[in-house]
């Protein structure tokens, strides 16, 4: 035997029925506090310090950091290409720069 019961009520009505507290006012206060703290921290930081905290590689020098990231990216791409191409023709893909020439 199977019973289906549909209850049409709002989330607020369901919370009140089950005796759960209304946390919306508390969430609004917390979000206001977090926003004020975030704005205060953002205004007190200079752009250079902010970039250094967001991107640790910027402490070594912006261009050097980006160069290292690019080098790491291309090394990872090369590993993926060489492992995928080694199945058929002995690692030669025929594409320039693939390392199989």
PDB file of N, CA and C in Angstrom:
ATOM      1  N   UNK A   1       0.842  -1.160   0.000  1.00  0.00           N
ATOM      2  CA  UNK A   1       0.000   0.000   0.000  1.00  0.00           C
ATOM      3  C   UNK A   1       0.898   1.237   0.000  1.00  0.00           C
ATOM      4  N   UNK A   2       0.504   2.230  -0.768  1.00  0.00           N
ATOM      5  CA  UNK A   2       1.323   3.436  -0.910  1.00  0.00           C
ATOM      6  C   UNK A   2       0.435   4.665  -0.710  1.00  0.00           C
ATOM      7  N   UNK A   3       0.911   5.592   0.118  1.00  0.00           N
ATOM      8  CA  UNK A   3       0.195   6.836   0.371  1.00  0.00           C
ATOM      9  C   UNK A   3       1.054   8.000  -0.088  1.00  0.00           C
ATOM     10  N   UNK A   4       0.459   8.929  -0.766  1.00  0.00           N
ATOM     11  CA  UNK A   4       1.122  10.178  -1.138  1.00  0.00           C
ATOM     12  C   UNK A   4       0.398  11.317  -0.450  1.00  0.00           C
ATOM     13  N   UNK A   5       1.142  12.122   0.283  1.00  0.00           N
ATOM     14  CA  UNK A   5       0.563  13.271   0.967  1.00  0.00           C
ATOM     15  C   UNK A   5       1.277  14.515   0.477  1.00  0.00           C
ATOM     16  N   UNK A   6       0.527  15.459  -0.037  1.00  0.00           N
ATOM     17  CA  UNK A   6       1.097  16.715  -0.505  1.00  0.00           C
ATOM     18  C   UNK A   6       0.694  17.818   0.458  1.00  0.00           C
ATOM     19  N   UNK A   7       1.676  18.593   0.876  1.00  0.00           N
ATOM     20  CA  UNK A   7       1.421  19.699   1.788  1.00  0.00           C
ATOM     21  C   UNK A   7       1.852  20.977   1.082  1.00  0.00           C
ATOM     22  N   UNK A   8       0.943  21.901   0.974  1.00  0.00           N
ATOM     23  CA  UNK A   8       1.224  23.168   0.308  1.00  0.00           C
ATOM     24  C   UNK A   8       1.410  24.240   1.372  1.00  0.00           C
ATOM     25  N   UNK A   9       2.686  24.592   1.623  1.00  0.00           N
ATOM     26  CA  UNK A   9       2.968  25.648   2.596  1.00  0.00           C
ATOM     27  C   UNK A   9       4.293  26.307   2.243  1.00  0.00           C
ATOM     28  N   UNK A  10       4.493  27.469   2.782  1.00  0.00           N
ATOM     29  CA  UNK A  10       5.741  28.199   2.536  1.00  0.00           C
ATOM     30  C   UNK A  10       6.832  27.668   3.464  1.00  0.00           C
ATOM     31  N   UNK A  11       8.086  27.945   3.162  1.00  0.00           N
ATOM     32  CA  UNK A  11       9.167  27.529   4.057  1.00  0.00           C
ATOM     33  C   UNK A  11       9.012  28.090   5.471  1.00  0.00           C
ATOM     34  N   UNK A  12       8.523  29.323   5.580  1.00  0.00           N
ATOM     35  CA  UNK A  12       8.318  29.924   6.903  1.00  0.00           C
ATOM     36  C   UNK A  12       7.265  29.139   7.686  1.00  0.00           C
ATOM     37  N   UNK A  13       6.181  28.750   7.014  1.00  0.00           N
ATOM     38  CA  UNK A  13       5.123  27.974   7.677  1.00  0.00           C
ATOM     39  C   UNK A  13       5.640  26.606   8.103  1.00  0.00           C
ATOM     40  N   UNK A  14       6.463  25.982   7.272  1.00  0.00           N
ATOM     41  CA  UNK A  14       7.010  24.663   7.612  1.00  0.00           C
ATOM     42  C   UNK A  14       7.938  24.767   8.823  1.00  0.00           C
ATOM     43  N   UNK A  15       8.792  25.815   8.857  1.00  0.00           N
ATOM     44  CA  UNK A  15       9.675  26.009  10.011  1.00  0.00           C
ATOM     45  C   UNK A  15       8.873  26.205  11.291  1.00  0.00           C
ATOM     46  N   UNK A  16       7.824  27.016  11.213  1.00  0.00           N
ATOM     47  CA  UNK A  16       6.995  27.262  12.402  1.00  0.00           C
ATOM     48  C   UNK A  16       6.292  25.978  12.832  1.00  0.00           C
ATOM     49  N   UNK A  17       5.820  25.174  11.883  1.00  0.00           N
ATOM     50  CA  UNK A  17       5.124  23.926  12.209  1.00  0.00           C
ATOM     51  C   UNK A  17       6.053  22.958  12.941  1.00  0.00           C
ATOM     52  N   UNK A  18       7.301  22.860  12.482  1.00  0.00           N
ATOM     53  CA  UNK A  18       8.251  21.933  13.107  1.00  0.00           C
ATOM     54  C   UNK A  18       8.962  22.551  14.313  1.00  0.00           C
ATOM     55  N   UNK A  19       8.692  23.808  14.607  1.00  0.00           N
ATOM     56  CA  UNK A  19       9.288  24.456  15.778  1.00  0.00           C
ATOM     57  C   UNK A  19      10.714  24.923  15.568  1.00  0.00           C
ATOM     58  N   UNK A  20      11.117  25.094  14.323  1.00  0.00           N
ATOM     59  CA  UNK A  20      12.476  25.555  14.032  1.00  0.00           C
ATOM     60  C   UNK A  20      12.527  27.081  14.107  1.00  0.00           C
ATOM     61  N   UNK A  21      13.651  27.641  14.527  1.00  0.00           N
ATOM     62  CA  UNK A  21      13.742  29.105  14.647  1.00  0.00           C
ATOM     63  C   UNK A  21      13.877  29.776  13.279  1.00  0.00           C
ATOM     64  N   UNK A  22      13.452  31.016  13.228  1.00  0.00           N
ATOM     65  CA  UNK A  22      13.616  31.821  12.021  1.00  0.00           C
ATOM     66  C   UNK A  22      15.001  32.463  12.078  1.00  0.00           C
ATOM     67  N   UNK A  23      15.901  32.022  11.221  1.00  0.00           N
ATOM     68  CA  UNK A  23      17.288  32.497  11.266  1.00  0.00           C
ATOM     69  C   UNK A  23      17.563  33.602  10.247  1.00  0.00           C
ATOM     70  N   UNK A  24      16.554  34.025   9.485  1.00  0.00           N
ATOM     71  CA  UNK A  24      16.761  35.048   8.454  1.00  0.00           C
ATOM     72  C   UNK A  24      17.302  36.363   9.033  1.00  0.00           C
ATOM     73  N   UNK A  25      16.754  36.893  10.154  1.00  0.00           N
ATOM     74  CA  UNK A  25      17.313  38.146  10.690  1.00  0.00           C
ATOM     75  C   UNK A  25      18.780  38.002  11.113  1.00  0.00           C
ATOM     76  N   UNK A  26      19.129  36.854  11.688  1.00  0.00           N
ATOM     77  CA  UNK A  26      20.512  36.629  12.099  1.00  0.00           C
ATOM     78  C   UNK A  26      21.428  36.572  10.873  1.00  0.00           C
ATOM     79  N   UNK A  27      20.982  35.901   9.814  1.00  0.00           N
ATOM     80  CA  UNK A  27      21.787  35.809   8.599  1.00  0.00           C
ATOM     81  C   UNK A  27      22.003  37.192   7.984  1.00  0.00           C
ATOM     82  N   UNK A  28      20.970  38.015   7.997  1.00  0.00           N
ATOM     83  CA  UNK A  28      21.105  39.371   7.452  1.00  0.00           C
ATOM     84  C   UNK A  28      22.123  40.189   8.241  1.00  0.00           C
ATOM     85  N   UNK A  29      22.080  40.102   9.574  1.00  0.00           N
ATOM     86  CA  UNK A  29      23.052  40.831  10.407  1.00  0.00           C
ATOM     87  C   UNK A  29      24.466  40.335  10.153  1.00  0.00           C
ATOM     88  N   UNK A  30      24.636  39.005  10.069  1.00  0.00           N
ATOM     89  CA  UNK A  30      25.972  38.459   9.820  1.00  0.00           C
ATOM     90  C   UNK A  30      26.511  38.892   8.464  1.00  0.00           C
ATOM     91  N   UNK A  31      25.651  38.891   7.457  1.00  0.00           N
ATOM     92  CA  UNK A  31      26.094  39.306   6.127  1.00  0.00           C
ATOM     93  C   UNK A  31      26.486  40.787   6.117  1.00  0.00           C
ATOM     94  N   UNK A  32      25.745  41.633   6.842  1.00  0.00           N
ATOM     95  CA  UNK A  32      26.116  43.049   6.935  1.00  0.00           C
ATOM     96  C   UNK A  32      27.478  43.205   7.610  1.00  0.00           C
ATOM     97  N   UNK A  33      27.678  42.471   8.714  1.00  0.00           N
ATOM     98  CA  UNK A  33      28.962  42.535   9.422  1.00  0.00           C
ATOM     99  C   UNK A  33      30.111  42.080   8.528  1.00  0.00           C
ATOM    100  N   UNK A  34      29.906  40.980   7.813  1.00  0.00           N
ATOM    101  CA  UNK A  34      30.960  40.471   6.927  1.00  0.00           C
ATOM    102  C   UNK A  34      31.263  41.468   5.825  1.00  0.00           C
ATOM    103  N   UNK A  35      30.217  42.087   5.273  1.00  0.00           N
ATOM    104  CA  UNK A  35      30.423  43.061   4.204  1.00  0.00           C
ATOM    105  C   UNK A  35      31.211  44.268   4.713  1.00  0.00           C
ATOM    106  N   UNK A  36      30.868  44.755   5.910  1.00  0.00           N
ATOM    107  CA  UNK A  36      31.589  45.895   6.478  1.00  0.00           C
ATOM    108  C   UNK A  36      33.058  45.556   6.729  1.00  0.00           C
ATOM    109  N   UNK A  37      33.320  44.374   7.263  1.00  0.00           N
ATOM    110  CA  UNK A  37      34.713  43.972   7.513  1.00  0.00           C
ATOM    111  C   UNK A  37      35.486  43.830   6.210  1.00  0.00           C
ATOM    112  N   UNK A  38      34.841  43.239   5.210  1.00  0.00           N
ATOM    113  CA  UNK A  38      35.502  43.067   3.916  1.00  0.00           C
ATOM    114  C   UNK A  38      35.814  44.415   3.285  1.00  0.00           C
ATOM    115  N   UNK A  39      34.856  45.330   3.328  1.00  0.00           N
ATOM    116  CA  UNK A  39      35.098  46.669   2.771  1.00  0.00           C
ATOM    117  C   UNK A  39      36.230  47.379   3.516  1.00  0.00           C
ATOM    118  N   UNK A  40      36.239  47.263   4.845  1.00  0.00           N
ATOM    119  CA  UNK A  40      37.299  47.888   5.628  1.00  0.00           C
ATOM    120  C   UNK A  40      38.660  47.330   5.282  1.00  0.00           C
ATOM    121  N   UNK A  41      38.759  46.028   5.132  1.00  0.00           N
ATOM    122  CA  UNK A  41      40.040  45.407   4.768  1.00  0.00           C
ATOM    123  C   UNK A  41      40.461  45.788   3.359  1.00  0.00           C
ATOM    124  N   UNK A  42      39.510  45.859   2.441  1.00  0.00           N
ATOM    125  CA  UNK A  42      39.844  46.205   1.057  1.00  0.00           C
ATOM    126  C   UNK A  42      40.331  47.645   0.962  1.00  0.00           C
ATOM    127  N   UNK A  43      39.710  48.544   1.736  1.00  0.00           N
ATOM    128  CA  UNK A  43      40.118  49.947   1.679  1.00  0.00           C
ATOM    129  C   UNK A  43      41.472  50.169   2.333  1.00  0.00           C
ATOM    130  N   UNK A  44      41.808  49.348   3.324  1.00  0.00           N
ATOM    131  CA  UNK A  44      43.082  49.540   4.016  1.00  0.00           C
ATOM    132  C   UNK A  44      44.263  48.936   3.261  1.00  0.00           C
ATOM    133  N   UNK A  45      44.020  48.056   2.314  1.00  0.00           N
ATOM    134  CA  UNK A  45      45.112  47.422   1.564  1.00  0.00           C
ATOM    135  C   UNK A  45      45.472  48.250   0.345  1.00  0.00           C
ATOM    136  N   UNK A  46      46.742  48.367   0.094  1.00  0.00           N
ATOM    137  CA  UNK A  46      47.161  49.000  -1.145  1.00  0.00           C
ATOM    138  C   UNK A  46      47.138  47.926  -2.244  1.00  0.00           C
ATOM    139  N   UNK A  47      46.996  48.342  -3.506  1.00  0.00           N
ATOM    140  CA  UNK A  47      46.858  47.370  -4.600  1.00  0.00           C
ATOM    141  C   UNK A  47      48.014  46.363  -4.676  1.00  0.00           C
ATOM    142  N   UNK A  48      49.239  46.811  -4.398  1.00  0.00           N
ATOM    143  CA  UNK A  48      50.392  45.914  -4.473  1.00  0.00           C
ATOM    144  C   UNK A  48      50.283  44.804  -3.434  1.00  0.00           C
ATOM    145  N   UNK A  49      49.930  45.161  -2.210  1.00  0.00           N
ATOM    146  CA  UNK A  49      49.792  44.155  -1.148  1.00  0.00           C
ATOM    147  C   UNK A  49      48.634  43.211  -1.440  1.00  0.00           C
ATOM    148  N   UNK A  50      47.555  43.747  -2.014  1.00  0.00           N
ATOM    149  CA  UNK A  50      46.412  42.910  -2.346  1.00  0.00           C
ATOM    150  C   UNK A  50      46.786  41.876  -3.411  1.00  0.00           C
ATOM    151  N   UNK A  51      47.506  42.302  -4.443  1.00  0.00           N
ATOM    152  CA  UNK A  51      47.913  41.368  -5.497  1.00  0.00           C
ATOM    153  C   UNK A  51      48.855  40.304  -4.936  1.00  0.00           C
ATOM    154  N   UNK A  52      49.745  40.682  -4.032  1.00  0.00           N
ATOM    155  CA  UNK A  52      50.671  39.718  -3.441  1.00  0.00           C
ATOM    156  C   UNK A  52      49.940  38.698  -2.587  1.00  0.00           C
ATOM    157  N   UNK A  53      48.871  39.123  -1.910  1.00  0.00           N
ATOM    158  CA  UNK A  53      48.121  38.170  -1.088  1.00  0.00           C
ATOM    159  C   UNK A  53      47.266  37.254  -1.952  1.00  0.00           C
ATOM    160  N   UNK A  54      46.780  37.765  -3.074  1.00  0.00           N
ATOM    161  CA  UNK A  54      45.946  36.942  -3.948  1.00  0.00           C
ATOM    162  C   UNK A  54      46.781  36.003  -4.810  1.00  0.00           C
ATOM    163  N   UNK A  55      47.939  36.466  -5.258  1.00  0.00           N
ATOM    164  CA  UNK A  55      48.777  35.665  -6.144  1.00  0.00           C
ATOM    165  C   UNK A  55      50.189  35.626  -5.578  1.00  0.00           C
ATOM    166  N   UNK A  56      50.554  34.578  -4.844  1.00  0.00           N
ATOM    167  CA  UNK A  56      51.870  34.517  -4.217  1.00  0.00           C
ATOM    168  C   UNK A  56      53.020  34.631  -5.210  1.00  0.00           C
ATOM    169  N   UNK A  57      52.816  34.230  -6.458  1.00  0.00           N
ATOM    170  CA  UNK A  57      53.902  34.313  -7.437  1.00  0.00           C
ATOM    171  C   UNK A  57      54.283  35.753  -7.730  1.00  0.00           C
ATOM    172  N   UNK A  58      53.391  36.705  -7.440  1.00  0.00           N
ATOM    173  CA  UNK A  58      53.682  38.114  -7.727  1.00  0.00           C
ATOM    174  C   UNK A  58      54.805  38.641  -6.841  1.00  0.00           C
ATOM    175  N   UNK A  59      55.121  37.944  -5.744  1.00  0.00           N
ATOM    176  CA  UNK A  59      56.209  38.402  -4.871  1.00  0.00           C
ATOM    177  C   UNK A  59      57.566  38.215  -5.541  1.00  0.00           C
ATOM    178  N   UNK A  60      57.668  37.298  -6.490  1.00  0.00           N
ATOM    179  CA  UNK A  60      58.937  37.068  -7.185  1.00  0.00           C
ATOM    180  C   UNK A  60      59.108  38.044  -8.342  1.00  0.00           C
ATOM    181  N   UNK A  61      58.112  38.794  -8.646  1.00  0.00           N
ATOM    182  CA  UNK A  61      58.127  39.673  -9.811  1.00  0.00           C
ATOM    183  C   UNK A  61      57.037  39.192 -10.750  1.00  0.00           C
ATOM    184  N   UNK A  62      56.242  40.105 -11.224  1.00  0.00           N
ATOM    185  CA  UNK A  62      55.064  39.723 -11.998  1.00  0.00           C
ATOM    186  C   UNK A  62      55.420  38.914 -13.243  1.00  0.00           C
ATOM    187  N   UNK A  63      56.363  39.385 -14.004  1.00  0.00           N
ATOM    188  CA  UNK A  63      56.687  38.694 -15.255  1.00  0.00           C
ATOM    189  C   UNK A  63      57.307  37.333 -14.990  1.00  0.00           C
ATOM    190  N   UNK A  64      58.172  37.227 -14.004  1.00  0.00           N
ATOM    191  CA  UNK A  64      58.796  35.946 -13.688  1.00  0.00           C
ATOM    192  C   UNK A  64      57.733  34.958 -13.208  1.00  0.00           C
ATOM    193  N   UNK A  65      56.791  35.434 -12.376  1.00  0.00           N
ATOM    194  CA  UNK A  65      55.725  34.569 -11.879  1.00  0.00           C
ATOM    195  C   UNK A  65      54.848  34.054 -13.008  1.00  0.00           C
ATOM    196  N   UNK A  66      54.477  34.945 -13.920  1.00  0.00           N
ATOM    197  CA  UNK A  66      53.651  34.517 -15.049  1.00  0.00           C
ATOM    198  C   UNK A  66      54.440  33.585 -15.970  1.00  0.00           C
ATOM    199  N   UNK A  67      55.726  33.844 -16.117  1.00  0.00           N
ATOM    200  CA  UNK A  67      56.552  32.959 -16.944  1.00  0.00           C
ATOM    201  C   UNK A  67      56.631  31.559 -16.361  1.00  0.00           C
ATOM    202  N   UNK A  68      56.761  31.468 -15.048  1.00  0.00           N
ATOM    203  CA  UNK A  68      56.787  30.160 -14.386  1.00  0.00           C
ATOM    204  C   UNK A  68      55.457  29.441 -14.560  1.00  0.00           C
ATOM    205  N   UNK A  69      54.360  30.191 -14.432  1.00  0.00           N
ATOM    206  CA  UNK A  69      53.043  29.575 -14.594  1.00  0.00           C
ATOM    207  C   UNK A  69      52.870  29.056 -16.015  1.00  0.00           C
ATOM    208  N   UNK A  70      53.303  29.844 -17.003  1.00  0.00           N
ATOM    209  CA  UNK A  70      53.187  29.425 -18.391  1.00  0.00           C
ATOM    210  C   UNK A  70      54.053  28.188 -18.656  1.00  0.00           C
ATOM    211  N   UNK A  71      55.260  28.181 -18.107  1.00  0.00           N
ATOM    212  CA  UNK A  71      56.151  27.044 -18.282  1.00  0.00           C
ATOM    213  C   UNK A  71      55.533  25.777 -17.690  1.00  0.00           C
ATOM    214  N   UNK A  72      54.966  25.898 -16.490  1.00  0.00           N
ATOM    215  CA  UNK A  72      54.329  24.752 -15.846  1.00  0.00           C
ATOM    216  C   UNK A  72      53.140  24.270 -16.673  1.00  0.00           C
ATOM    217  N   UNK A  73      52.359  25.201 -17.209  1.00  0.00           N
ATOM    218  CA  UNK A  73      51.211  24.843 -18.039  1.00  0.00           C
ATOM    219  C   UNK A  73      51.654  24.059 -19.270  1.00  0.00           C
ATOM    220  N   UNK A  74      52.675  24.548 -19.962  1.00  0.00           N
ATOM    221  CA  UNK A  74      53.117  23.882 -21.183  1.00  0.00           C
ATOM    222  C   UNK A  74      53.755  22.523 -20.875  1.00  0.00           C
ATOM    223  N   UNK A  75      54.438  22.403 -19.740  1.00  0.00           N
ATOM    224  CA  UNK A  75      54.992  21.103 -19.360  1.00  0.00           C
ATOM    225  C   UNK A  75      53.872  20.089 -19.133  1.00  0.00           C
ATOM    226  N   UNK A  76      52.821  20.517 -18.448  1.00  0.00           N
ATOM    227  CA  UNK A  76      51.692  19.619 -18.206  1.00  0.00           C
ATOM    228  C   UNK A  76      50.997  19.251 -19.512  1.00  0.00           C
ATOM    229  N   UNK A  77      50.850  20.207 -20.408  1.00  0.00           N
ATOM    230  CA  UNK A  77      50.233  19.916 -21.710  1.00  0.00           C
ATOM    231  C   UNK A  77      51.103  18.947 -22.498  1.00  0.00           C
ATOM    232  N   UNK A  78      52.414  19.103 -22.404  1.00  0.00           N
ATOM    233  CA  UNK A  78      53.321  18.205 -23.115  1.00  0.00           C
ATOM    234  C   UNK A  78      53.225  16.787 -22.591  1.00  0.00           C
ATOM    235  N   UNK A  79      53.069  16.639 -21.260  1.00  0.00           N
ATOM    236  CA  UNK A  79      52.922  15.308 -20.683  1.00  0.00           C
ATOM    237  C   UNK A  79      51.649  14.642 -21.171  1.00  0.00           C
ATOM    238  N   UNK A  80      50.575  15.390 -21.232  1.00  0.00           N
ATOM    239  CA  UNK A  80      49.305  14.840 -21.686  1.00  0.00           C
ATOM    240  C   UNK A  80      49.353  14.452 -23.147  1.00  0.00           C
ATOM    241  N   UNK A  81      50.008  15.277 -23.963  1.00  0.00           N
ATOM    242  CA  UNK A  81      50.095  14.998 -25.393  1.00  0.00           C
ATOM    243  C   UNK A  81      50.982  13.784 -25.658  1.00  0.00           C
ATOM    244  N   UNK A  82      52.106  13.669 -24.931  1.00  0.00           N
ATOM    245  CA  UNK A  82      53.016  12.563 -25.194  1.00  0.00           C
ATOM    246  C   UNK A  82      52.428  11.247 -24.710  1.00  0.00           C
ATOM    247  N   UNK A  83      51.697  11.247 -23.604  1.00  0.00           N
ATOM    248  CA  UNK A  83      51.118   9.991 -23.116  1.00  0.00           C
ATOM    249  C   UNK A  83      49.952   9.574 -23.984  1.00  0.00           C
ATOM    250  N   UNK A  84      49.224  10.527 -24.572  1.00  0.00           N
ATOM    251  CA  UNK A  84      48.095  10.179 -25.428  1.00  0.00           C
ATOM    252  C   UNK A  84      48.538   9.757 -26.805  1.00  0.00           C
ATOM    253  N   UNK A  85      49.685  10.249 -27.285  1.00  0.00           N
ATOM    254  CA  UNK A  85      50.146   9.951 -28.639  1.00  0.00           C
ATOM    255  C   UNK A  85      50.994   8.690 -28.685  1.00  0.00           C
ATOM    256  N   UNK A  86      51.411   8.140 -27.564  1.00  0.00           N
ATOM    257  CA  UNK A  86      52.327   7.019 -27.586  1.00  0.00           C
ATOM    258  C   UNK A  86      51.633   5.710 -27.915  1.00  0.00           C
ATOM    259  N   UNK A  87      50.312   5.716 -28.012  1.00  0.00           N
ATOM    260  CA  UNK A  87      49.613   4.468 -28.250  1.00  0.00           C
ATOM    261  C   UNK A  87      49.726   3.950 -29.667  1.00  0.00           C
ATOM    262  N   UNK A  88      49.835   4.814 -30.700  1.00  0.00           N
ATOM    263  CA  UNK A  88      49.715   4.321 -32.058  1.00  0.00           C
ATOM    264  C   UNK A  88      50.996   4.251 -32.846  1.00  0.00           C
ATOM    265  N   UNK A  89      51.725   5.350 -32.971  1.00  0.00           N
ATOM    266  CA  UNK A  89      52.848   5.419 -33.898  1.00  0.00           C
ATOM    267  C   UNK A  89      54.162   5.624 -33.189  1.00  0.00           C
ATOM    268  N   UNK A  90      54.347   5.032 -32.043  1.00  0.00           N
ATOM    269  CA  UNK A  90      55.621   5.130 -31.348  1.00  0.00           C
ATOM    270  C   UNK A  90      55.905   6.509 -30.803  1.00  0.00           C
ATOM    271  N   UNK A  91      54.858   7.270 -30.483  1.00  0.00           N
ATOM    272  CA  UNK A  91      55.052   8.569 -29.879  1.00  0.00           C
ATOM    273  C   UNK A  91      55.150   9.697 -30.878  1.00  0.00           C
ATOM    274  N   UNK A  92      55.066   9.430 -32.191  1.00  0.00           N
ATOM    275  CA  UNK A  92      55.139  10.487 -33.189  1.00  0.00           C
ATOM    276  C   UNK A  92      53.726  10.894 -33.571  1.00  0.00           C
ATOM    277  N   UNK A  93      53.429  12.163 -33.388  1.00  0.00           N
ATOM    278  CA  UNK A  93      52.091  12.626 -33.731  1.00  0.00           C
ATOM    279  C   UNK A  93      52.090  13.393 -35.042  1.00  0.00           C
ATOM    280  N   UNK A  94      53.245  13.800 -35.510  1.00  0.00           N
ATOM    281  CA  UNK A  94      53.319  14.536 -36.753  1.00  0.00           C
ATOM    282  C   UNK A  94      53.038  16.015 -36.589  1.00  0.00           C
ATOM    283  N   UNK A  95      52.743  16.462 -35.399  1.00  0.00           N
ATOM    284  CA  UNK A  95      52.466  17.877 -35.167  1.00  0.00           C
ATOM    285  C   UNK A  95      53.757  18.573 -34.769  1.00  0.00           C
ATOM    286  N   UNK A  96      53.974  19.808 -35.246  1.00  0.00           N
ATOM    287  CA  UNK A  96      55.190  20.524 -34.861  1.00  0.00           C
ATOM    288  C   UNK A  96      55.200  20.806 -33.357  1.00  0.00           C
ATOM    289  N   UNK A  97      56.360  20.635 -32.748  1.00  0.00           N
ATOM    290  CA  UNK A  97      56.520  20.917 -31.332  1.00  0.00           C
ATOM    291  C   UNK A  97      56.039  19.812 -30.440  1.00  0.00           C
ATOM    292  N   UNK A  98      55.660  18.663 -30.999  1.00  0.00           N
ATOM    293  CA  UNK A  98      55.139  17.575 -30.164  1.00  0.00           C
ATOM    294  C   UNK A  98      56.249  16.710 -29.591  1.00  0.00           C
ATOM    295  N   UNK A  99      57.480  16.897 -30.027  1.00  0.00           N
ATOM    296  CA  UNK A  99      58.599  16.151 -29.475  1.00  0.00           C
ATOM    297  C   UNK A  99      58.815  14.813 -30.148  1.00  0.00           C
ATOM    298  N   UNK A 100      58.012  14.464 -31.126  1.00  0.00           N
ATOM    299  CA  UNK A 100      58.155  13.179 -31.787  1.00  0.00           C
ATOM    300  C   UNK A 100      58.904  13.264 -33.087  1.00  0.00           C
ATOM    301  N   UNK A 101      59.641  14.344 -33.365  1.00  0.00           N
ATOM    302  CA  UNK A 101      60.314  14.496 -34.658  1.00  0.00           C
ATOM    303  C   UNK A 101      61.771  14.159 -34.555  1.00  0.00           C
TER     304      UNK A 101
END
